[in-house]
Amino acid sequence: MIFENQIIPREIHEFVIEGPCDIQEVIRIIETRYPAISKGILWNVTAGSLAHLGPADMRLIANTAKMHAVHKKTAYVGMEAGDFGKFRQYETHAELSEVPTVMKVFHDADEALEWLKQ
């Protein structure tokens, strides 16, 4: 399940993944929510898991983000080493797909939000 928090409405939003990540829900959020967010997005997986996502899922997310992202920065937060690695894997796919946002992986959500606000 994914919950949305508007940190600064229409500028910075947080998407919190709880439990196993549902790839179709991620794609739906990218397609429907990304075009309305201008500054930054935080994907927070501290209460969830990306363990079952594979390289094909990361490519699909990157290709979808390329088509819908208008924001400047995307931050990713995960506590588990495996999730942190999945975010890094996604960064590689996003760079190859030429996703137009600057991305950074964090272990701390407060630090990620400060980076997004800069």
Protein backbone atom coordinates (compact mmCIF):
# COMPACT_ATOMS: atom_id res chain seq x y z
CA MET A 1 0.00 0.00 0.00
CA ILE A 2 1.23 3.51 -0.79
CA PHE A 3 0.22 6.65 1.10
CA GLU A 4 0.78 10.22 -0.09
CA ASN A 5 1.81 13.11 2.18
CA GLN A 6 1.83 16.62 0.77
CA ILE A 7 4.85 18.24 2.41
CA ILE A 8 4.42 21.44 0.39
CA PRO A 9 1.26 21.14 -1.74
CA ARG A 10 1.99 20.93 -5.47
CA GLU A 11 5.74 21.27 -4.78
CA ILE A 12 7.04 18.45 -2.54
CA HIS A 13 5.19 15.20 -1.90
CA GLU A 14 6.15 12.04 -0.03
CA PHE A 15 4.98 8.59 -1.08
CA VAL A 16 5.22 6.05 1.75
CA ILE A 17 5.32 2.38 0.81
CA GLU A 18 4.04 0.02 3.50
CA GLY A 19 4.58 -3.69 3.05
CA PRO A 20 5.72 -5.19 -0.25
CA CYS A 21 5.89 -2.64 -3.07
CA ASP A 22 3.12 -3.03 -5.67
CA ILE A 23 4.66 -2.17 -9.06
CA GLN A 24 1.29 -1.36 -10.64
CA GLU A 25 0.46 1.09 -7.83
CA VAL A 26 3.86 2.79 -8.31
CA ILE A 27 3.20 3.13 -12.06
CA ARG A 28 -0.29 4.55 -11.40
CA ILE A 29 1.15 7.15 -9.01
CA ILE A 30 3.84 8.17 -11.49
CA GLU A 31 1.29 8.53 -14.29
CA THR A 32 -1.32 10.41 -12.25
CA ARG A 33 0.58 12.35 -9.54
CA TYR A 34 4.00 13.20 -11.00
CA PRO A 35 2.70 15.76 -13.55
CA ALA A 36 1.23 17.90 -10.72
CA ILE A 37 4.35 18.03 -8.50
CA SER A 38 6.82 20.76 -9.43
CA LYS A 39 9.79 20.59 -7.05
CA GLY A 40 10.47 17.24 -5.41
CA ILE A 41 9.30 13.75 -4.55
CA LEU A 42 10.33 11.52 -1.66
CA TRP A 43 9.80 7.78 -1.94
CA ASN A 44 9.92 6.41 1.61
CA VAL A 45 10.24 2.64 2.04
CA THR A 46 11.18 2.57 5.72
CA ALA A 47 7.93 0.67 6.47
CA GLY A 48 7.96 -1.40 3.29
CA SER A 49 10.08 -3.52 1.01
CA LEU A 50 11.32 -3.53 -2.57
CA ALA A 51 12.73 -7.06 -2.24
CA HIS A 52 10.57 -8.67 -4.94
CA LEU A 53 11.20 -5.99 -7.60
CA GLY A 54 13.59 -6.96 -10.36
CA PRO A 55 15.52 -5.18 -13.12
CA ALA A 56 12.51 -5.23 -15.48
CA ASP A 57 10.42 -3.45 -12.83
CA MET A 58 13.14 -0.81 -12.41
CA ARG A 59 13.25 -0.23 -16.18
CA LEU A 60 9.45 0.09 -16.29
CA ILE A 61 9.47 2.65 -13.46
CA ALA A 62 12.28 4.61 -15.11
CA ASN A 63 10.58 4.68 -18.51
CA THR A 64 7.29 5.78 -16.94
CA ALA A 65 9.00 8.49 -14.87
CA LYS A 66 10.73 9.81 -17.97
CA MET A 67 7.33 10.41 -19.59
CA HIS A 68 5.61 12.03 -16.58
CA ALA A 69 8.18 13.69 -14.29
CA VAL A 70 8.26 17.49 -14.23
CA HIS A 71 9.79 17.88 -10.74
CA LYS A 72 13.45 18.73 -10.21
CA LYS A 73 14.54 16.20 -7.55
CA THR A 74 13.63 12.74 -6.33
CA ALA A 75 14.84 11.39 -2.98
CA TYR A 76 14.66 7.76 -1.91
CA VAL A 77 14.75 6.56 1.71
CA GLY A 78 15.10 2.96 2.82
CA MET A 79 16.36 1.40 6.02
CA GLU A 80 17.15 -2.08 4.75
CA ALA A 81 20.39 -2.65 2.87
CA GLY A 82 18.52 -4.50 0.14
CA ASP A 83 16.12 -1.62 -0.44
CA PHE A 84 18.98 0.87 -0.49
CA GLY A 85 20.60 -1.30 -3.19
CA LYS A 86 17.36 -1.43 -5.20
CA PHE A 87 17.21 2.38 -5.18
CA ARG A 88 20.77 2.51 -6.48
CA GLN A 89 19.83 -0.01 -9.18
CA TYR A 90 16.87 2.19 -10.14
CA GLU A 91 19.17 5.24 -10.37
CA THR A 92 21.21 3.41 -12.99
CA HIS A 93 18.12 2.55 -15.07
CA ALA A 94 16.80 6.11 -14.69
CA GLU A 95 20.09 7.58 -15.88
CA LEU A 96 20.15 5.25 -18.91
CA SER A 97 16.51 6.16 -19.67
CA GLU A 98 17.34 9.87 -19.31
CA VAL A 99 14.82 10.57 -16.54
CA PRO A 100 15.02 14.37 -16.17
CA THR A 101 15.29 14.58 -12.35
CA VAL A 102 18.26 14.66 -10.02
CA MET A 103 18.13 11.63 -7.71
CA LYS A 104 19.71 10.82 -4.38
CA VAL A 105 19.41 7.90 -1.95
CA PHE A 106 19.23 8.52 1.81
CA HIS A 107 19.03 6.51 5.02
CA ASP A 108 17.25 9.36 6.85
CA ALA A 109 13.90 10.93 5.77
CA ASP A 110 14.59 14.29 7.45
CA GLU A 111 17.88 14.62 5.58
CA ALA A 112 16.11 13.71 2.32
CA LEU A 113 13.42 16.35 2.89
CA GLU A 114 16.04 19.02 3.59
CA TRP A 115 17.77 18.14 0.32
CA LEU A 116 14.47 18.37 -1.57
CA LYS A 117 13.74 21.81 -0.09
CA GLN A 118 17.09 23.28 -1.17
